[in-house]
Amino acid sequence: MAYAVGVRDVAATERLLRGNGIPLGRTSSGEVFVPAREAFGVAIIFRQTAG
C-alpha cells in the first residue's frame, strides 16, 4: 500500500527528510518516497504539484 502526497517543492522536501535522517528511495519513474518499513507499513510518495 502507498499514499501520494502533493508538495510544492520535491527537492526541498527531499532535503528536509534526509536532513532529519528519514531513509528515502526512488520509484522507477524517479519520484521520492519513504519506504513502507520506515512509515508504519505504508509507503509515502512525494509528487510535485503546481502552485
N, C-alpha and C. Protein backbone atom coordinates (compact mmCIF):
# COMPACT_ATOMS: atom_id res chain seq x y z
N MET A 1 0.84 -1.17 0.00
CA MET A 1 0.00 0.00 0.00
C MET A 1 0.89 1.23 0.00
N ALA A 2 0.41 2.28 -0.65
CA ALA A 2 1.16 3.53 -0.72
C ALA A 2 0.20 4.71 -0.81
N TYR A 3 0.68 5.84 -0.37
CA TYR A 3 -0.05 7.09 -0.49
C TYR A 3 0.84 8.08 -1.22
N ALA A 4 0.22 8.94 -2.02
CA ALA A 4 0.96 10.00 -2.68
C ALA A 4 0.59 11.33 -2.02
N VAL A 5 1.60 12.15 -1.80
CA VAL A 5 1.40 13.46 -1.19
C VAL A 5 1.91 14.51 -2.17
N GLY A 6 1.08 15.50 -2.46
CA GLY A 6 1.49 16.59 -3.34
C GLY A 6 2.26 17.63 -2.54
N VAL A 7 3.41 18.03 -3.07
CA VAL A 7 4.23 19.06 -2.42
C VAL A 7 4.61 20.11 -3.46
N ARG A 8 4.86 21.32 -3.00
CA ARG A 8 5.23 22.40 -3.92
C ARG A 8 6.65 22.26 -4.44
N ASP A 9 7.54 21.71 -3.62
CA ASP A 9 8.96 21.62 -3.99
C ASP A 9 9.51 20.27 -3.55
N VAL A 10 9.59 19.34 -4.49
CA VAL A 10 10.06 17.99 -4.16
C VAL A 10 11.50 18.02 -3.66
N ALA A 11 12.34 18.84 -4.26
CA ALA A 11 13.75 18.91 -3.85
C ALA A 11 13.87 19.39 -2.40
N ALA A 12 13.09 20.39 -2.03
CA ALA A 12 13.12 20.89 -0.65
C ALA A 12 12.58 19.83 0.31
N THR A 13 11.56 19.11 -0.11
CA THR A 13 11.01 18.04 0.71
C THR A 13 12.05 16.95 0.93
N GLU A 14 12.74 16.59 -0.13
CA GLU A 14 13.79 15.57 -0.02
C GLU A 14 14.90 16.02 0.93
N ARG A 15 15.33 17.27 0.81
CA ARG A 15 16.37 17.78 1.72
C ARG A 15 15.91 17.75 3.17
N LEU A 16 14.68 18.16 3.40
CA LEU A 16 14.13 18.16 4.75
C LEU A 16 14.09 16.75 5.34
N LEU A 17 13.60 15.81 4.56
CA LEU A 17 13.52 14.42 5.04
C LEU A 17 14.90 13.84 5.29
N ARG A 18 15.80 13.98 4.33
CA ARG A 18 17.16 13.45 4.50
C ARG A 18 17.86 14.13 5.68
N GLY A 19 17.67 15.43 5.83
CA GLY A 19 18.28 16.17 6.93
C GLY A 19 17.81 15.72 8.29
N ASN A 20 16.65 15.07 8.32
CA ASN A 20 16.11 14.55 9.57
C ASN A 20 16.29 13.05 9.69
N GLY A 21 17.15 12.50 8.84
CA GLY A 21 17.51 11.08 8.94
C GLY A 21 16.46 10.11 8.45
N ILE A 22 15.53 10.57 7.63
CA ILE A 22 14.49 9.69 7.09
C ILE A 22 15.04 8.99 5.85
N PRO A 23 15.04 7.66 5.84
CA PRO A 23 15.52 6.92 4.66
C PRO A 23 14.57 7.12 3.48
N LEU A 24 15.10 7.35 2.31
CA LEU A 24 14.29 7.57 1.12
C LEU A 24 14.68 6.62 0.01
N GLY A 25 13.76 6.43 -0.89
CA GLY A 25 14.01 5.66 -2.09
C GLY A 25 13.50 6.44 -3.28
N ARG A 26 13.60 5.85 -4.45
CA ARG A 26 13.07 6.45 -5.68
C ARG A 26 12.26 5.39 -6.41
N THR A 27 11.13 5.81 -6.94
CA THR A 27 10.32 4.90 -7.74
C THR A 27 11.00 4.72 -9.10
N SER A 28 10.49 3.80 -9.91
CA SER A 28 11.07 3.59 -11.24
C SER A 28 10.93 4.83 -12.11
N SER A 29 9.97 5.70 -11.79
CA SER A 29 9.82 6.94 -12.55
C SER A 29 10.57 8.11 -11.92
N GLY A 30 11.30 7.85 -10.82
CA GLY A 30 12.15 8.87 -10.21
C GLY A 30 11.54 9.64 -9.06
N GLU A 31 10.32 9.30 -8.65
CA GLU A 31 9.69 10.00 -7.54
C GLU A 31 10.31 9.59 -6.20
N VAL A 32 10.42 10.54 -5.30
CA VAL A 32 10.98 10.30 -3.97
C VAL A 32 9.91 9.64 -3.10
N PHE A 33 10.31 8.64 -2.30
CA PHE A 33 9.35 8.03 -1.39
C PHE A 33 10.02 7.56 -0.11
N VAL A 34 9.22 7.49 0.94
CA VAL A 34 9.63 6.88 2.21
C VAL A 34 9.15 5.43 2.13
N PRO A 35 10.05 4.46 2.28
CA PRO A 35 9.65 3.06 2.20
C PRO A 35 8.65 2.68 3.30
N ALA A 36 7.79 1.73 2.99
CA ALA A 36 6.76 1.28 3.93
C ALA A 36 7.35 0.85 5.26
N ARG A 37 8.49 0.19 5.27
CA ARG A 37 9.07 -0.29 6.53
C ARG A 37 9.48 0.86 7.45
N GLU A 38 9.65 2.04 6.88
CA GLU A 38 10.02 3.22 7.66
C GLU A 38 8.82 4.09 8.01
N ALA A 39 7.65 3.79 7.44
CA ALA A 39 6.47 4.64 7.62
C ALA A 39 5.26 3.81 8.09
N PHE A 40 5.49 2.96 9.07
CA PHE A 40 4.41 2.18 9.69
C PHE A 40 3.62 1.35 8.69
N GLY A 41 4.31 0.79 7.69
CA GLY A 41 3.70 -0.16 6.77
C GLY A 41 3.09 0.42 5.50
N VAL A 42 3.19 1.72 5.29
CA VAL A 42 2.63 2.34 4.10
C VAL A 42 3.67 3.27 3.48
N ALA A 43 4.02 3.01 2.23
CA ALA A 43 4.97 3.88 1.54
C ALA A 43 4.34 5.25 1.30
N ILE A 44 5.14 6.30 1.39
CA ILE A 44 4.66 7.66 1.14
C ILE A 44 5.46 8.23 -0.02
N ILE A 45 4.77 8.50 -1.12
CA ILE A 45 5.39 9.03 -2.33
C ILE A 45 5.16 10.54 -2.37
N PHE A 46 6.17 11.29 -2.73
CA PHE A 46 6.05 12.75 -2.81
C PHE A 46 6.08 13.17 -4.26
N ARG A 47 5.03 13.91 -4.67
CA ARG A 47 4.90 14.37 -6.04
C ARG A 47 4.81 15.88 -6.10
N GLN A 48 5.48 16.44 -7.11
CA GLN A 48 5.45 17.89 -7.34
C GLN A 48 4.06 18.27 -7.80
N THR A 49 3.50 19.34 -7.21
CA THR A 49 2.21 19.87 -7.64
C THR A 49 2.38 21.31 -8.08
N ALA A 50 1.50 21.75 -8.91
CA ALA A 50 1.53 23.15 -9.36
C ALA A 50 1.04 24.07 -8.24
N GLY A 51 1.63 25.24 -8.19
CA GLY A 51 1.12 26.24 -7.25
C GLY A 51 1.88 26.35 -6.06
